PDB file of all heavy atoms in Angstrom:
ATOM      1  N   ASP A   1     108.559 117.518  84.088  1.00  0.00           N
ATOM      2  CA  ASP A   1     109.516 117.167  83.033  1.00  0.00           C
ATOM      3  C   ASP A   1     109.005 117.761  81.728  1.00  0.00           C
ATOM      4  O   ASP A   1     107.867 117.515  81.334  1.00  0.00           O
ATOM      5  CB  ASP A   1     109.648 115.645  82.912  1.00  0.00           C
ATOM      6  CG  ASP A   1     110.884 115.241  82.114  1.00  0.00           C
ATOM      7  OD1 ASP A   1     111.031 115.726  80.977  1.00  0.00           O
ATOM      8  OD2 ASP A   1     111.689 114.455  82.635  1.00  0.00           O
ATOM      9  N   ARG A   2     109.807 118.545  81.045  1.00  0.00           N
ATOM     10  CA  ARG A   2     109.390 119.256  79.844  1.00  0.00           C
ATOM     11  C   ARG A   2     109.377 118.366  78.605  1.00  0.00           C
ATOM     12  O   ARG A   2     108.944 118.793  77.532  1.00  0.00           O
ATOM     13  CB  ARG A   2     110.296 120.468  79.596  1.00  0.00           C
ATOM     14  CG  ARG A   2     110.206 121.527  80.698  1.00  0.00           C
ATOM     15  CD  ARG A   2     111.165 122.686  80.476  1.00  0.00           C
ATOM     16  NE  ARG A   2     110.894 123.345  79.200  1.00  0.00           N
ATOM     17  CZ  ARG A   2     111.805 123.542  78.254  1.00  0.00           C
ATOM     18  NH1 ARG A   2     113.042 123.092  78.432  1.00  0.00           N
ATOM     19  NH2 ARG A   2     111.493 124.165  77.144  1.00  0.00           N
ATOM     20  N   ASP A   3     109.855 117.137  78.754  1.00  0.00           N
ATOM     21  CA  ASP A   3     109.809 116.222  77.607  1.00  0.00           C
ATOM     22  C   ASP A   3     108.403 115.687  77.404  1.00  0.00           C
ATOM     23  O   ASP A   3     107.456 116.111  78.066  1.00  0.00           O
ATOM     24  CB  ASP A   3     110.824 115.088  77.807  1.00  0.00           C
ATOM     25  CG  ASP A   3     112.258 115.591  77.740  1.00  0.00           C
ATOM     26  OD1 ASP A   3     112.547 116.401  76.843  1.00  0.00           O
ATOM     27  OD2 ASP A   3     113.070 115.183  78.590  1.00  0.00           O
ATOM     28  N   ALA A   4     108.276 114.721  76.481  1.00  0.00           N
ATOM     29  CA  ALA A   4     106.958 114.185  76.140  1.00  0.00           C
ATOM     30  C   ALA A   4     106.950 112.670  76.274  1.00  0.00           C
ATOM     31  O   ALA A   4     107.993 112.007  76.292  1.00  0.00           O
ATOM     32  CB  ALA A   4     106.572 114.586  74.711  1.00  0.00           C
ATOM     33  N   ASN A   5     105.721 112.137  76.383  1.00  0.00           N
ATOM     34  CA  ASN A   5     105.490 110.686  76.412  1.00  0.00           C
ATOM     35  C   ASN A   5     106.314 110.036  77.525  1.00  0.00           C
ATOM     36  O   ASN A   5     106.350 110.537  78.645  1.00  0.00           O
ATOM     37  CB  ASN A   5     105.782 110.080  75.040  1.00  0.00           C
ATOM     38  CG  ASN A   5     104.926 110.706  73.957  1.00  0.00           C
ATOM     39  OD1 ASN A   5     103.746 110.963  74.173  1.00  0.00           O
ATOM     40  ND2 ASN A   5     105.511 110.968  72.804  1.00  0.00           N
ATOM     41  N   ALA A   6     106.986 108.908  77.221  1.00  0.00           N
ATOM     42  CA  ALA A   6     107.724 108.195  78.262  1.00  0.00           C
ATOM     43  C   ALA A   6     108.846 109.044  78.840  1.00  0.00           C
ATOM     44  O   ALA A   6     109.217 108.888  80.012  1.00  0.00           O
ATOM     45  CB  ALA A   6     108.292 106.893  77.698  1.00  0.00           C
ATOM     46  N   ASN A   7     109.376 109.958  78.036  1.00  0.00           N
ATOM     47  CA  ASN A   7     110.455 110.818  78.525  1.00  0.00           C
ATOM     48  C   ASN A   7     109.993 111.740  79.643  1.00  0.00           C
ATOM     49  O   ASN A   7     110.821 112.318  80.355  1.00  0.00           O
ATOM     50  CB  ASN A   7     111.022 111.654  77.376  1.00  0.00           C
ATOM     51  CG  ASN A   7     111.694 110.800  76.319  1.00  0.00           C
ATOM     52  OD1 ASN A   7     112.210 109.736  76.614  1.00  0.00           O
ATOM     53  ND2 ASN A   7     111.685 111.265  75.078  1.00  0.00           N
ATOM     54  N   ALA A   8     108.682 111.910  79.772  1.00  0.00           N
ATOM     55  CA  ALA A   8     108.148 112.819  80.795  1.00  0.00           C
ATOM     56  C   ALA A   8     107.482 112.075  81.945  1.00  0.00           C
ATOM     57  O   ALA A   8     106.991 112.709  82.886  1.00  0.00           O
ATOM     58  CB  ALA A   8     107.144 113.790  80.157  1.00  0.00           C
ATOM     59  N   TYR A   9     107.445 110.733  81.880  1.00  0.00           N
ATOM     60  CA  TYR A   9     106.814 109.971  82.973  1.00  0.00           C
ATOM     61  C   TYR A   9     107.789 109.897  84.142  1.00  0.00           C
ATOM     62  O   TYR A   9     108.926 109.430  83.989  1.00  0.00           O
ATOM     63  CB  TYR A   9     106.434 108.574  82.513  1.00  0.00           C
ATOM     64  CG  TYR A   9     105.802 107.758  83.612  1.00  0.00           C
ATOM     65  CD1 TYR A   9     104.461 107.955  83.950  1.00  0.00           C
ATOM     66  CD2 TYR A   9     106.540 106.818  84.324  1.00  0.00           C
ATOM     67  CE1 TYR A   9     103.873 107.226  84.979  1.00  0.00           C
ATOM     68  CE2 TYR A   9     105.975 106.088  85.344  1.00  0.00           C
ATOM     69  CZ  TYR A   9     104.632 106.299  85.667  1.00  0.00           C
ATOM     70  OH  TYR A   9     104.067 105.581  86.687  1.00  0.00           O
ATOM     71  N   ILE A  10     107.355 110.342  85.310  1.00  0.00           N
ATOM     72  CA  ILE A  10     108.236 110.474  86.469  1.00  0.00           C
ATOM     73  C   ILE A  10     107.890 109.429  87.529  1.00  0.00           C
ATOM     74  O   ILE A  10     106.711 109.205  87.831  1.00  0.00           O
ATOM     75  CB  ILE A  10     108.119 111.882  87.087  1.00  0.00           C
ATOM     76  CG1 ILE A  10     108.498 112.944  86.048  1.00  0.00           C
ATOM     77  CG2 ILE A  10     108.982 112.005  88.330  1.00  0.00           C
ATOM     78  CD1 ILE A  10     108.230 114.362  86.524  1.00  0.00           C
ATOM     79  N   SER A  11     108.909 108.814  88.071  1.00  0.00           N
ATOM     80  CA  SER A  11     108.734 107.948  89.237  1.00  0.00           C
ATOM     81  C   SER A  11     109.607 108.496  90.370  1.00  0.00           C
ATOM     82  O   SER A  11     110.705 109.005  90.138  1.00  0.00           O
ATOM     83  CB  SER A  11     109.127 106.501  88.920  1.00  0.00           C
ATOM     84  OG  SER A  11     110.485 106.430  88.519  1.00  0.00           O
ATOM     85  N   TYR A  12     109.068 108.385  91.590  1.00  0.00           N
ATOM     86  CA  TYR A  12     109.736 108.950  92.762  1.00  0.00           C
ATOM     87  C   TYR A  12     110.284 107.821  93.629  1.00  0.00           C
ATOM     88  O   TYR A  12     109.674 106.746  93.748  1.00  0.00           O
ATOM     89  CB  TYR A  12     108.764 109.798  93.580  1.00  0.00           C
ATOM     90  CG  TYR A  12     108.184 110.971  92.822  1.00  0.00           C
ATOM     91  CD1 TYR A  12     107.032 110.820  92.055  1.00  0.00           C
ATOM     92  CD2 TYR A  12     108.786 112.216  92.878  1.00  0.00           C
ATOM     93  CE1 TYR A  12     106.492 111.889  91.356  1.00  0.00           C
ATOM     94  CE2 TYR A  12     108.256 113.293  92.193  1.00  0.00           C
ATOM     95  CZ  TYR A  12     107.101 113.125  91.424  1.00  0.00           C
ATOM     96  OH  TYR A  12     106.567 114.189  90.735  1.00  0.00           O
ATOM     97  N   SER A  13     111.422 108.090  94.252  1.00  0.00           N
ATOM     98  CA  SER A  13     112.013 107.098  95.156  1.00  0.00           C
ATOM     99  C   SER A  13     112.831 107.819  96.214  1.00  0.00           C
ATOM    100  O   SER A  13     113.138 109.017  96.095  1.00  0.00           O
ATOM    101  CB  SER A  13     112.908 106.121  94.379  1.00  0.00           C
ATOM    102  OG  SER A  13     113.974 106.818  93.749  1.00  0.00           O
ATOM    103  N   LEU A  14     113.159 107.077  97.275  1.00  0.00           N
ATOM    104  CA  LEU A  14     113.997 107.623  98.349  1.00  0.00           C
ATOM    105  C   LEU A  14     115.439 107.214  98.108  1.00  0.00           C
ATOM    106  O   LEU A  14     115.728 106.065  97.753  1.00  0.00           O
ATOM    107  CB  LEU A  14     113.533 107.086  99.699  1.00  0.00           C
ATOM    108  CG  LEU A  14     112.108 107.470 100.134  1.00  0.00           C
ATOM    109  CD1 LEU A  14     111.750 106.724 101.419  1.00  0.00           C
ATOM    110  CD2 LEU A  14     111.991 108.980 100.332  1.00  0.00           C
ATOM    111  N   ILE A  15     116.339 108.173  98.274  1.00  0.00           N
ATOM    112  CA  ILE A  15     117.756 107.849  98.222  1.00  0.00           C
ATOM    113  C   ILE A  15     118.119 107.153  99.535  1.00  0.00           C
ATOM    114  O   ILE A  15     117.890 107.680 100.631  1.00  0.00           O
ATOM    115  CB  ILE A  15     118.624 109.116  98.045  1.00  0.00           C
ATOM    116  CG1 ILE A  15     118.262 109.819  96.725  1.00  0.00           C
ATOM    117  CG2 ILE A  15     120.104 108.765  98.073  1.00  0.00           C
ATOM    118  CD1 ILE A  15     118.558 109.011  95.492  1.00  0.00           C
ATOM    119  N   MET A  16     118.640 105.958  99.396  1.00  0.00           N
ATOM    120  CA  MET A  16     118.902 105.164 100.587  1.00  0.00           C
ATOM    121  C   MET A  16     119.974 105.806 101.469  1.00  0.00           C
ATOM    122  O   MET A  16     120.949 106.374 100.986  1.00  0.00           O
ATOM    123  CB  MET A  16     119.328 103.755 100.199  1.00  0.00           C
ATOM    124  CG  MET A  16     118.176 102.928  99.614  1.00  0.00           C
ATOM    125  SD  MET A  16     116.820 102.657 100.797  1.00  0.00           S
ATOM    126  CE  MET A  16     115.637 103.910 100.294  1.00  0.00           C
ATOM    127  N   GLY A  17     119.750 105.726 102.738  1.00  0.00           N
ATOM    128  CA  GLY A  17     120.683 106.241 103.734  1.00  0.00           C
ATOM    129  C   GLY A  17     120.280 105.699 105.104  1.00  0.00           C
ATOM    130  O   GLY A  17     119.416 104.810 105.207  1.00  0.00           O
ATOM    131  N   GLU A  18     120.867 106.242 106.136  1.00  0.00           N
ATOM    132  CA  GLU A  18     120.566 105.776 107.491  1.00  0.00           C
ATOM    133  C   GLU A  18     120.174 106.944 108.391  1.00  0.00           C
ATOM    134  O   GLU A  18     120.657 108.069 108.226  1.00  0.00           O
ATOM    135  CB  GLU A  18     121.768 105.044 108.101  1.00  0.00           C
ATOM    136  CG  GLU A  18     122.066 103.708 107.439  1.00  0.00           C
ATOM    137  CD  GLU A  18     123.168 102.944 108.164  1.00  0.00           C
ATOM    138  OE1 GLU A  18     123.809 103.543 109.064  1.00  0.00           O
ATOM    139  OE2 GLU A  18     123.378 101.765 107.836  1.00  0.00           O
ATOM    140  N   ILE A  19     119.285 106.645 109.319  1.00  0.00           N
ATOM    141  CA  ILE A  19     118.886 107.588 110.354  1.00  0.00           C
ATOM    142  C   ILE A  19     119.030 106.858 111.688  1.00  0.00           C
ATOM    143  O   ILE A  19     118.367 105.828 111.920  1.00  0.00           O
ATOM    144  CB  ILE A  19     117.427 108.057 110.163  1.00  0.00           C
ATOM    145  CG1 ILE A  19     117.259 108.732 108.797  1.00  0.00           C
ATOM    146  CG2 ILE A  19     117.011 108.988 111.285  1.00  0.00           C
ATOM    147  CD1 ILE A  19     115.827 109.051 108.448  1.00  0.00           C
ATOM    148  N   GLN A  20     119.936 107.348 112.517  1.00  0.00           N
ATOM    149  CA  GLN A  20     120.223 106.688 113.805  1.00  0.00           C
ATOM    150  C   GLN A  20     120.543 105.208 113.619  1.00  0.00           C
ATOM    151  O   GLN A  20     120.096 104.337 114.368  1.00  0.00           O
ATOM    152  CB  GLN A  20     119.053 106.867 114.782  1.00  0.00           C
ATOM    153  CG  GLN A  20     118.822 108.309 115.209  1.00  0.00           C
ATOM    154  CD  GLN A  20     117.704 108.444 116.228  1.00  0.00           C
ATOM    155  OE1 GLN A  20     116.869 107.550 116.381  1.00  0.00           O
ATOM    156  NE2 GLN A  20     117.690 109.571 116.944  1.00  0.00           N
ATOM    157  N   GLY A  21     121.320 104.930 112.556  1.00  0.00           N
ATOM    158  CA  GLY A  21     121.758 103.566 112.315  1.00  0.00           C
ATOM    159  C   GLY A  21     120.742 102.675 111.634  1.00  0.00           C
ATOM    160  O   GLY A  21     121.021 101.502 111.392  1.00  0.00           O
ATOM    161  N   LEU A  22     119.542 103.218 111.349  1.00  0.00           N
ATOM    162  CA  LEU A  22     118.512 102.429 110.678  1.00  0.00           C
ATOM    163  C   LEU A  22     118.260 102.972 109.276  1.00  0.00           C
ATOM    164  O   LEU A  22     118.450 104.171 109.004  1.00  0.00           O
ATOM    165  CB  LEU A  22     117.205 102.475 111.487  1.00  0.00           C
ATOM    166  CG  LEU A  22     117.266 101.881 112.895  1.00  0.00           C
ATOM    167  CD1 LEU A  22     115.944 102.122 113.619  1.00  0.00           C
ATOM    168  CD2 LEU A  22     117.576 100.385 112.838  1.00  0.00           C
ATOM    169  N   ALA A  23     117.843 102.111 108.368  1.00  0.00           N
ATOM    170  CA  ALA A  23     117.572 102.519 106.984  1.00  0.00           C
ATOM    171  C   ALA A  23     116.454 103.547 106.935  1.00  0.00           C
ATOM    172  O   ALA A  23     115.532 103.540 107.769  1.00  0.00           O
ATOM    173  CB  ALA A  23     117.207 101.307 106.132  1.00  0.00           C
ATOM    174  N   VAL A  24     116.530 104.459 105.960  1.00  0.00           N
ATOM    175  CA  VAL A  24     115.512 105.493 105.788  1.00  0.00           C
ATOM    176  C   VAL A  24     114.122 104.878 105.670  1.00  0.00           C
ATOM    177  O   VAL A  24     113.135 105.413 106.202  1.00  0.00           O
ATOM    178  CB  VAL A  24     115.833 106.350 104.534  1.00  0.00           C
ATOM    179  CG1 VAL A  24     114.655 107.243 104.165  1.00  0.00           C
ATOM    180  CG2 VAL A  24     117.076 107.185 104.767  1.00  0.00           C
ATOM    181  N   SER A  25     114.052 103.741 104.993  1.00  0.00           N
ATOM    182  CA  SER A  25     112.756 103.097 104.776  1.00  0.00           C
ATOM    183  C   SER A  25     112.109 102.615 106.070  1.00  0.00           C
ATOM    184  O   SER A  25     110.926 102.270 106.091  1.00  0.00           O
ATOM    185  CB  SER A  25     112.915 101.915 103.814  1.00  0.00           C
ATOM    186  OG  SER A  25     113.849 100.977 104.320  1.00  0.00           O
ATOM    187  N   PHE A  26     112.881 102.596 107.171  1.00  0.00           N
ATOM    188  CA  PHE A  26     112.307 102.217 108.458  1.00  0.00           C
ATOM    189  C   PHE A  26     111.430 103.354 109.011  1.00  0.00           C
ATOM    190  O   PHE A  26     110.532 103.121 109.811  1.00  0.00           O
ATOM    191  CB  PHE A  26     113.440 101.894 109.447  1.00  0.00           C
ATOM    192  CG  PHE A  26     112.975 101.435 110.787  1.00  0.00           C
ATOM    193  CD1 PHE A  26     112.620 100.110 111.010  1.00  0.00           C
ATOM    194  CD2 PHE A  26     112.893 102.340 111.863  1.00  0.00           C
ATOM    195  CE1 PHE A  26     112.187  99.697 112.267  1.00  0.00           C
ATOM    196  CE2 PHE A  26     112.458 101.926 113.105  1.00  0.00           C
ATOM    197  CZ  PHE A  26     112.102 100.598 113.303  1.00  0.00           C
ATOM    198  N   PHE A  27     111.671 104.566 108.541  1.00  0.00           N
ATOM    199  CA  PHE A  27     110.960 105.739 109.065  1.00  0.00           C
ATOM    200  C   PHE A  27     109.896 106.274 108.103  1.00  0.00           C
ATOM    201  O   PHE A  27     108.816 106.678 108.543  1.00  0.00           O
ATOM    202  CB  PHE A  27     111.966 106.851 109.380  1.00  0.00           C
ATOM    203  CG  PHE A  27     112.936 106.496 110.451  1.00  0.00           C
ATOM    204  CD1 PHE A  27     114.145 105.873 110.140  1.00  0.00           C
ATOM    205  CD2 PHE A  27     112.657 106.760 111.785  1.00  0.00           C
ATOM    206  CE1 PHE A  27     115.052 105.553 111.131  1.00  0.00           C
ATOM    207  CE2 PHE A  27     113.558 106.439 112.786  1.00  0.00           C
ATOM    208  CZ  PHE A  27     114.760 105.814 112.466  1.00  0.00           C
ATOM    209  N   VAL A  28     110.229 106.333 106.812  1.00  0.00           N
ATOM    210  CA  VAL A  28     109.292 106.929 105.845  1.00  0.00           C
ATOM    211  C   VAL A  28     109.215 106.052 104.591  1.00  0.00           C
ATOM    212  O   VAL A  28     110.111 105.243 104.312  1.00  0.00           O
ATOM    213  CB  VAL A  28     109.720 108.359 105.429  1.00  0.00           C
ATOM    214  CG1 VAL A  28     109.656 109.315 106.608  1.00  0.00           C
ATOM    215  CG2 VAL A  28     111.110 108.347 104.815  1.00  0.00           C
ATOM    216  N   SER A  29     108.116 106.250 103.851  1.00  0.00           N
ATOM    217  CA  SER A  29     107.948 105.576 102.550  1.00  0.00           C
ATOM    218  C   SER A  29     107.448 106.620 101.550  1.00  0.00           C
ATOM    219  O   SER A  29     106.946 107.680 101.930  1.00  0.00           O
ATOM    220  CB  SER A  29     106.948 104.418 102.653  1.00  0.00           C
ATOM    221  OG  SER A  29     105.652 104.906 102.950  1.00  0.00           O
ATOM    222  N   ILE A  30     107.585 106.328 100.271  1.00  0.00           N
ATOM    223  CA  ILE A  30     107.152 107.259  99.234  1.00  0.00           C
ATOM    224  C   ILE A  30     106.368 106.491  98.171  1.00  0.00           C
ATOM    225  O   ILE A  30     106.713 105.337  97.838  1.00  0.00           O
ATOM    226  CB  ILE A  30     108.346 108.005  98.597  1.00  0.00           C
ATOM    227  CG1 ILE A  30     107.857 109.137  97.691  1.00  0.00           C
ATOM    228  CG2 ILE A  30     109.260 107.053  97.837  1.00  0.00           C
ATOM    229  CD1 ILE A  30     108.969 110.098  97.268  1.00  0.00           C
ATOM    230  N   GLN A  31     105.304 107.105  97.671  1.00  0.00           N
ATOM    231  CA  GLN A  31     104.514 106.503  96.597  1.00  0.00           C
ATOM    232  C   GLN A  31     105.171 106.899  95.268  1.00  0.00           C
ATOM    233  O   GLN A  31     105.280 108.087  94.949  1.00  0.00           O
ATOM    234  CB  GLN A  31     103.064 106.987  96.655  1.00  0.00           C
ATOM    235  CG  GLN A  31     102.116 106.180  95.781  1.00  0.00           C
ATOM    236  CD  GLN A  31     100.675 106.567  96.052  1.00  0.00           C
ATOM    237  OE1 GLN A  31     100.359 107.728  96.320  1.00  0.00           O
ATOM    238  NE2 GLN A  31      99.795 105.583  95.984  1.00  0.00           N
ATOM    239  N   SER A  32     105.610 105.899  94.516  1.00  0.00           N
ATOM    240  CA  SER A  32     106.443 106.171  93.341  1.00  0.00           C
ATOM    241  C   SER A  32     105.731 106.981  92.266  1.00  0.00           C
ATOM    242  O   SER A  32     106.358 107.748  91.542  1.00  0.00           O
ATOM    243  CB  SER A  32     106.941 104.849  92.737  1.00  0.00           C
ATOM    244  OG  SER A  32     105.836 104.075  92.276  1.00  0.00           O
ATOM    245  N   GLY A  33     104.419 106.810  92.162  1.00  0.00           N
ATOM    246  CA  GLY A  33     103.709 107.507  91.088  1.00  0.00           C
ATOM    247  C   GLY A  33     103.292 108.918  91.407  1.00  0.00           C
ATOM    248  O   GLY A  33     103.041 109.722  90.502  1.00  0.00           O
ATOM    249  N   THR A  34     103.215 109.263  92.715  1.00  0.00           N
ATOM    250  CA  THR A  34     102.695 110.583  93.097  1.00  0.00           C
ATOM    251  C   THR A  34     103.691 111.456  93.838  1.00  0.00           C
ATOM    252  O   THR A  34     103.534 112.665  93.891  1.00  0.00           O
ATOM    253  CB  THR A  34     101.451 110.427  93.985  1.00  0.00           C
ATOM    254  OG1 THR A  34     101.832 109.757  95.201  1.00  0.00           O
ATOM    255  CG2 THR A  34     100.373 109.618  93.273  1.00  0.00           C
ATOM    256  N   GLY A  35     104.712 110.843  94.454  1.00  0.00           N
ATOM    257  CA  GLY A  35     105.650 111.619  95.260  1.00  0.00           C
ATOM    258  C   GLY A  35     105.160 111.877  96.665  1.00  0.00           C
ATOM    259  O   GLY A  35     105.771 112.653  97.418  1.00  0.00           O
ATOM    260  N   ASN A  36     104.023 111.231  97.064  1.00  0.00           N
ATOM    261  CA  ASN A  36     103.507 111.384  98.427  1.00  0.00           C
ATOM    262  C   ASN A  36     104.409 110.632  99.414  1.00  0.00           C
ATOM    263  O   ASN A  36     104.749 109.464  99.178  1.00  0.00           O
ATOM    264  CB  ASN A  36     102.077 110.849  98.530  1.00  0.00           C
ATOM    265  CG  ASN A  36     101.104 111.668  97.709  1.00  0.00           C
ATOM    266  OD1 ASN A  36     101.338 112.846  97.447  1.00  0.00           O
ATOM    267  ND2 ASN A  36     100.001 111.050  97.300  1.00  0.00           N
ATOM    268  N   ILE A  37     104.748 111.309 100.511  1.00  0.00           N
ATOM    269  CA  ILE A  37     105.618 110.700 101.529  1.00  0.00           C
ATOM    270  C   ILE A  37     104.794 110.436 102.785  1.00  0.00           C
ATOM    271  O   ILE A  37     104.003 111.293 103.231  1.00  0.00           O
ATOM    272  CB  ILE A  37     106.808 111.633 101.851  1.00  0.00           C
ATOM    273  CG1 ILE A  37     107.647 111.867 100.588  1.00  0.00           C
ATOM    274  CG2 ILE A  37     107.682 111.037 102.956  1.00  0.00           C
ATOM    275  CD1 ILE A  37     108.785 112.856 100.787  1.00  0.00           C
ATOM    276  N   TYR A  38     104.984 109.240 103.353  1.00  0.00           N
ATOM    277  CA  TYR A  38     104.221 108.811 104.529  1.00  0.00           C
ATOM    278  C   TYR A  38     105.162 108.386 105.642  1.00  0.00           C
ATOM    279  O   TYR A  38     106.291 107.918 105.397  1.00  0.00           O
ATOM    280  CB  TYR A  38     103.299 107.636 104.172  1.00  0.00           C
ATOM    281  CG  TYR A  38     102.325 107.940 103.063  1.00  0.00           C
ATOM    282  CD1 TYR A  38     102.648 107.642 101.731  1.00  0.00           C
ATOM    283  CD2 TYR A  38     101.097 108.531 103.328  1.00  0.00           C
ATOM    284  CE1 TYR A  38     101.762 107.913 100.711  1.00  0.00           C
ATOM    285  CE2 TYR A  38     100.202 108.813 102.309  1.00  0.00           C
ATOM    286  CZ  TYR A  38     100.544 108.500 100.997  1.00  0.00           C
ATOM    287  OH  TYR A  38      99.657 108.792  99.982  1.00  0.00           O
ATOM    288  N   ALA A  39     104.666 108.534 106.877  1.00  0.00           N
ATOM    289  CA  ALA A  39     105.395 108.013 108.033  1.00  0.00           C
ATOM    290  C   ALA A  39     105.129 106.524 108.146  1.00  0.00           C
ATOM    291  O   ALA A  39     103.990 106.080 108.096  1.00  0.00           O
ATOM    292  CB  ALA A  39     104.951 108.737 109.297  1.00  0.00           C
ATOM    293  N   VAL A  40     106.207 105.751 108.305  1.00  0.00           N
ATOM    294  CA  VAL A  40     106.031 104.295 108.427  1.00  0.00           C
ATOM    295  C   VAL A  40     105.506 103.945 109.815  1.00  0.00           C
ATOM    296  O   VAL A  40     104.599 103.126 109.970  1.00  0.00           O
ATOM    297  CB  VAL A  40     107.354 103.571 108.149  1.00  0.00           C
ATOM    298  CG1 VAL A  40     107.240 102.073 108.481  1.00  0.00           C
ATOM    299  CG2 VAL A  40     107.756 103.766 106.689  1.00  0.00           C
ATOM    300  N   GLY A  41     106.055 104.582 110.822  1.00  0.00           N
ATOM    301  CA  GLY A  41     105.617 104.304 112.190  1.00  0.00           C
ATOM    302  C   GLY A  41     105.316 105.599 112.922  1.00  0.00           C
ATOM    303  O   GLY A  41     105.125 106.659 112.322  1.00  0.00           O
ATOM    304  N   SER A  42     105.271 105.517 114.213  1.00  0.00           N
ATOM    305  CA  SER A  42     104.978 106.670 115.064  1.00  0.00           C
ATOM    306  C   SER A  42     106.298 107.275 115.540  1.00  0.00           C
ATOM    307  O   SER A  42     107.208 106.568 115.985  1.00  0.00           O
ATOM    308  CB  SER A  42     104.136 106.236 116.261  1.00  0.00           C
ATOM    309  OG  SER A  42     103.832 107.330 117.078  1.00  0.00           O
TER     310      SER A  42
END
């Protein structure tokens, strides 16, 4: 973000949706401060 201070602080999130009838959050999660994405299960 080319802005400064709070205008440049970024938080990451998943846009809610479904995968095979289940919520996206059932499959993956995201760390809001870093943008790292993890598998919830196997």
